[in-house]
Amino acid sequence: MVERENLAHETFLRNARNSEETLRKEAIERTDLSHLDGTLLNSIDTSPDSMYQVESTGAVVSLNSAVGLVHFYCSQLPSDRYSILRPEFIMQKHEKPGGSMEYSCKLQLPCNAPFEKLEGPICGSIRLAQQVMMVSLE
């Protein structure tokens, strides 16, 4: 809310809006990898199983960004001041013959999400089980 004819408030609001646009442009530029040569890109795991791309927008979710994206998604769901909107990752151990352990992840989203429960594949580590579950959603 801006006080009428208060130049300090109007200036502050204008600067905030300009900063938001500058930050948005900077984020877009930082995610553009087209200027990099192919050798650097080869070191990044771009196999179809490790990332998900939305054809219509070009948006990409990788293993590294998947868990953070789910947390961000939950924070953007409609809520009141009493709601705690965060995902819950439920890990399950699976013992392989020979004694080694594998893990799978179940995701419980807040009740106001369009879907609440998701289950991912069995993986070799807890972190990988969380990440792969996000990318394998389709």
C-alpha atoms as a PDB file:
ATOM      1  CA  MET A   1       0.000   0.000   0.000  1.00  0.00           C
ATOM      2  CA  VAL A   2       1.410   3.392  -1.010  1.00  0.00           C
ATOM      3  CA  GLU A   3       0.483   6.647   0.646  1.00  0.00           C
ATOM      4  CA  ARG A   4      -0.943   9.172  -1.826  1.00  0.00           C
ATOM      5  CA  GLU A   5       1.440  11.900  -2.967  1.00  0.00           C
ATOM      6  CA  ASN A   6       4.254  10.479  -0.841  1.00  0.00           C
ATOM      7  CA  LEU A   7       7.252  10.662  -3.175  1.00  0.00           C
ATOM      8  CA  ALA A   8       9.413   8.468  -0.965  1.00  0.00           C
ATOM      9  CA  HIS A   9       6.856   5.637  -1.095  1.00  0.00           C
ATOM     10  CA  GLU A  10       6.347   6.011  -4.845  1.00  0.00           C
ATOM     11  CA  THR A  11      10.108   5.996  -5.472  1.00  0.00           C
ATOM     12  CA  PHE A  12      10.567   2.934  -3.279  1.00  0.00           C
ATOM     13  CA  LEU A  13       7.811   1.058  -5.128  1.00  0.00           C
ATOM     14  CA  ARG A  14       9.208   2.027  -8.538  1.00  0.00           C
ATOM     15  CA  ASN A  15      12.709   0.859  -7.529  1.00  0.00           C
ATOM     16  CA  ALA A  16      11.322  -2.429  -6.201  1.00  0.00           C
ATOM     17  CA  ARG A  17       9.502  -3.100  -9.470  1.00  0.00           C
ATOM     18  CA  ASN A  18      12.611  -2.270 -11.503  1.00  0.00           C
ATOM     19  CA  SER A  19      14.746  -4.559  -9.323  1.00  0.00           C
ATOM     20  CA  GLU A  20      12.297  -7.422  -9.798  1.00  0.00           C
ATOM     21  CA  GLU A  21      12.534  -7.132 -13.578  1.00  0.00           C
ATOM     22  CA  THR A  22      16.340  -6.919 -13.443  1.00  0.00           C
ATOM     23  CA  LEU A  23      16.542 -10.050 -11.290  1.00  0.00           C
ATOM     24  CA  ARG A  24      14.175 -11.915 -13.614  1.00  0.00           C
ATOM     25  CA  LYS A  25      16.316 -11.061 -16.665  1.00  0.00           C
ATOM     26  CA  GLU A  26      19.499 -12.053 -14.826  1.00  0.00           C
ATOM     27  CA  ALA A  27      18.027 -15.430 -13.857  1.00  0.00           C
ATOM     28  CA  ILE A  28      16.998 -16.113 -17.454  1.00  0.00           C
ATOM     29  CA  GLU A  29      20.465 -15.196 -18.744  1.00  0.00           C
ATOM     30  CA  ARG A  30      22.181 -17.415 -16.182  1.00  0.00           C
ATOM     31  CA  THR A  31      20.166 -20.473 -17.205  1.00  0.00           C
ATOM     32  CA  ASP A  32      20.897 -20.033 -20.921  1.00  0.00           C
ATOM     33  CA  LEU A  33      23.636 -22.556 -21.800  1.00  0.00           C
ATOM     34  CA  SER A  34      23.732 -21.869 -25.542  1.00  0.00           C
ATOM     35  CA  HIS A  35      26.911 -19.763 -25.272  1.00  0.00           C
ATOM     36  CA  LEU A  36      28.925 -22.659 -23.784  1.00  0.00           C
ATOM     37  CA  ASP A  37      30.944 -24.989 -25.958  1.00  0.00           C
ATOM     38  CA  GLY A  38      29.990 -28.637 -26.255  1.00  0.00           C
ATOM     39  CA  THR A  39      32.868 -29.972 -24.112  1.00  0.00           C
ATOM     40  CA  LEU A  40      31.534 -28.319 -20.972  1.00  0.00           C
ATOM     41  CA  LEU A  41      28.021 -29.504 -21.655  1.00  0.00           C
ATOM     42  CA  ASN A  42      29.228 -33.080 -22.058  1.00  0.00           C
ATOM     43  CA  SER A  43      30.226 -33.127 -18.376  1.00  0.00           C
ATOM     44  CA  ILE A  44      26.625 -32.417 -17.354  1.00  0.00           C
ATOM     45  CA  ASP A  45      24.396 -35.488 -17.098  1.00  0.00           C
ATOM     46  CA  THR A  46      21.739 -34.772 -19.710  1.00  0.00           C
ATOM     47  CA  SER A  47      20.422 -38.273 -20.191  1.00  0.00           C
ATOM     48  CA  PRO A  48      16.629 -38.441 -20.539  1.00  0.00           C
ATOM     49  CA  ASP A  49      16.349 -40.229 -17.179  1.00  0.00           C
ATOM     50  CA  SER A  50      18.118 -37.420 -15.296  1.00  0.00           C
ATOM     51  CA  MET A  51      16.025 -34.506 -16.475  1.00  0.00           C
ATOM     52  CA  TYR A  52      12.523 -33.569 -17.528  1.00  0.00           C
ATOM     53  CA  GLN A  53      11.759 -30.903 -20.128  1.00  0.00           C
ATOM     54  CA  VAL A  54       8.422 -29.267 -20.868  1.00  0.00           C
ATOM     55  CA  GLU A  55       8.190 -29.155 -24.666  1.00  0.00           C
ATOM     56  CA  SER A  56       5.879 -26.136 -24.877  1.00  0.00           C
ATOM     57  CA  THR A  57       7.960 -23.815 -22.666  1.00  0.00           C
ATOM     58  CA  GLY A  58      11.440 -25.320 -22.738  1.00  0.00           C
ATOM     59  CA  ALA A  59      11.534 -25.442 -18.928  1.00  0.00           C
ATOM     60  CA  VAL A  60      13.944 -28.068 -17.600  1.00  0.00           C
ATOM     61  CA  VAL A  61      14.021 -29.852 -14.250  1.00  0.00           C
ATOM     62  CA  SER A  62      17.242 -31.699 -13.464  1.00  0.00           C
ATOM     63  CA  LEU A  63      18.132 -34.030 -10.626  1.00  0.00           C
ATOM     64  CA  ASN A  64      19.843 -31.135  -8.848  1.00  0.00           C
ATOM     65  CA  SER A  65      16.892 -28.747  -9.046  1.00  0.00           C
ATOM     66  CA  ALA A  66      14.020 -31.204  -8.539  1.00  0.00           C
ATOM     67  CA  VAL A  67      13.755 -31.272  -4.734  1.00  0.00           C
ATOM     68  CA  GLY A  68      14.077 -27.498  -4.422  1.00  0.00           C
ATOM     69  CA  LEU A  69      11.411 -27.039  -7.066  1.00  0.00           C
ATOM     70  CA  VAL A  70       8.948 -29.170  -5.077  1.00  0.00           C
ATOM     71  CA  HIS A  71       9.599 -27.065  -1.969  1.00  0.00           C
ATOM     72  CA  PHE A  72       9.015 -23.899  -4.015  1.00  0.00           C
ATOM     73  CA  TYR A  73       5.826 -25.346  -5.514  1.00  0.00           C
ATOM     74  CA  CYS A  74       4.451 -26.110  -2.050  1.00  0.00           C
ATOM     75  CA  SER A  75       5.267 -22.597  -0.845  1.00  0.00           C
ATOM     76  CA  GLN A  76       3.171 -21.158  -3.681  1.00  0.00           C
ATOM     77  CA  LEU A  77       0.006 -23.136  -2.899  1.00  0.00           C
ATOM     78  CA  PRO A  78      -2.925 -21.115  -1.524  1.00  0.00           C
ATOM     79  CA  SER A  79      -2.874 -21.014   2.258  1.00  0.00           C
ATOM     80  CA  ASP A  80      -3.794 -19.138   5.389  1.00  0.00           C
ATOM     81  CA  ARG A  81      -1.434 -18.106   8.163  1.00  0.00           C
ATOM     82  CA  TYR A  82      -2.006 -21.357  10.055  1.00  0.00           C
ATOM     83  CA  SER A  83      -1.026 -23.652   7.189  1.00  0.00           C
ATOM     84  CA  ILE A  84       2.394 -25.222   6.950  1.00  0.00           C
ATOM     85  CA  LEU A  85       2.860 -26.035   3.286  1.00  0.00           C
ATOM     86  CA  ARG A  86       5.843 -28.287   2.836  1.00  0.00           C
ATOM     87  CA  PRO A  87       6.423 -31.621   1.177  1.00  0.00           C
ATOM     88  CA  GLU A  88       7.126 -34.721   3.244  1.00  0.00           C
ATOM     89  CA  PHE A  89       9.612 -37.228   1.874  1.00  0.00           C
ATOM     90  CA  ILE A  90       8.990 -40.721   3.272  1.00  0.00           C
ATOM     91  CA  MET A  91      12.002 -42.946   2.685  1.00  0.00           C
ATOM     92  CA  GLN A  92      11.826 -46.739   2.587  1.00  0.00           C
ATOM     93  CA  LYS A  93      14.762 -49.121   2.850  1.00  0.00           C
ATOM     94  CA  HIS A  94      14.949 -52.162   0.597  1.00  0.00           C
ATOM     95  CA  GLU A  95      17.525 -54.809   1.458  1.00  0.00           C
ATOM     96  CA  LYS A  96      19.131 -56.501  -1.512  1.00  0.00           C
ATOM     97  CA  PRO A  97      20.412 -60.064  -1.401  1.00  0.00           C
ATOM     98  CA  GLY A  98      23.908 -59.793   0.024  1.00  0.00           C
ATOM     99  CA  GLY A  99      23.014 -57.177   2.615  1.00  0.00           C
ATOM    100  CA  SER A 100      23.365 -53.939   0.654  1.00  0.00           C
ATOM    101  CA  MET A 101      20.625 -51.347   0.991  1.00  0.00           C
ATOM    102  CA  GLU A 102      18.592 -49.496  -1.603  1.00  0.00           C
ATOM    103  CA  TYR A 103      15.998 -46.791  -1.036  1.00  0.00           C
ATOM    104  CA  SER A 104      12.738 -45.573  -2.489  1.00  0.00           C
ATOM    105  CA  CYS A 105      10.939 -42.327  -1.802  1.00  0.00           C
ATOM    106  CA  LYS A 106       7.273 -41.525  -1.344  1.00  0.00           C
ATOM    107  CA  LEU A 107       6.261 -37.878  -1.557  1.00  0.00           C
ATOM    108  CA  GLN A 108       3.361 -36.540   0.492  1.00  0.00           C
ATOM    109  CA  LEU A 109       2.252 -33.100  -0.733  1.00  0.00           C
ATOM    110  CA  PRO A 110      -0.005 -30.701   1.209  1.00  0.00           C
ATOM    111  CA  CYS A 111      -3.729 -31.503   1.076  1.00  0.00           C
ATOM    112  CA  ASN A 112      -4.493 -28.532  -1.189  1.00  0.00           C
ATOM    113  CA  ALA A 113      -2.167 -29.754  -3.975  1.00  0.00           C
ATOM    114  CA  PRO A 114      -3.911 -31.278  -7.037  1.00  0.00           C
ATOM    115  CA  PHE A 115      -2.403 -34.654  -6.108  1.00  0.00           C
ATOM    116  CA  GLU A 116      -1.133 -35.738  -2.712  1.00  0.00           C
ATOM    117  CA  LYS A 117       0.936 -38.923  -2.906  1.00  0.00           C
ATOM    118  CA  LEU A 118       3.634 -39.969  -5.355  1.00  0.00           C
ATOM    119  CA  GLU A 119       6.053 -42.881  -5.309  1.00  0.00           C
ATOM    120  CA  GLY A 120       9.445 -43.154  -6.975  1.00  0.00           C
ATOM    121  CA  PRO A 121      11.669 -46.040  -8.098  1.00  0.00           C
ATOM    122  CA  ILE A 122      14.254 -47.885  -5.998  1.00  0.00           C
ATOM    123  CA  CYS A 123      17.716 -46.237  -6.024  1.00  0.00           C
ATOM    124  CA  GLY A 124      21.155 -46.702  -4.494  1.00  0.00           C
ATOM    125  CA  SER A 125      21.066 -43.681  -2.150  1.00  0.00           C
ATOM    126  CA  ILE A 126      18.526 -41.662  -0.192  1.00  0.00           C
ATOM    127  CA  ARG A 127      19.320 -38.411  -2.018  1.00  0.00           C
ATOM    128  CA  LEU A 128      19.133 -40.048  -5.436  1.00  0.00           C
ATOM    129  CA  ALA A 129      15.790 -41.652  -4.537  1.00  0.00           C
ATOM    130  CA  GLN A 130      14.370 -38.186  -3.758  1.00  0.00           C
ATOM    131  CA  GLN A 131      15.772 -36.641  -6.926  1.00  0.00           C
ATOM    132  CA  VAL A 132      14.796 -39.433  -9.315  1.00  0.00           C
ATOM    133  CA  MET A 133      11.253 -39.520  -7.960  1.00  0.00           C
ATOM    134  CA  MET A 134      10.798 -35.878  -8.975  1.00  0.00           C
ATOM    135  CA  VAL A 135      12.220 -36.283 -12.468  1.00  0.00           C
ATOM    136  CA  SER A 136      10.326 -39.523 -13.167  1.00  0.00           C
ATOM    137  CA  LEU A 137       6.939 -37.811 -12.682  1.00  0.00           C
ATOM    138  CA  GLU A 138       5.048 -37.486 -15.928  1.00  0.00           C
END
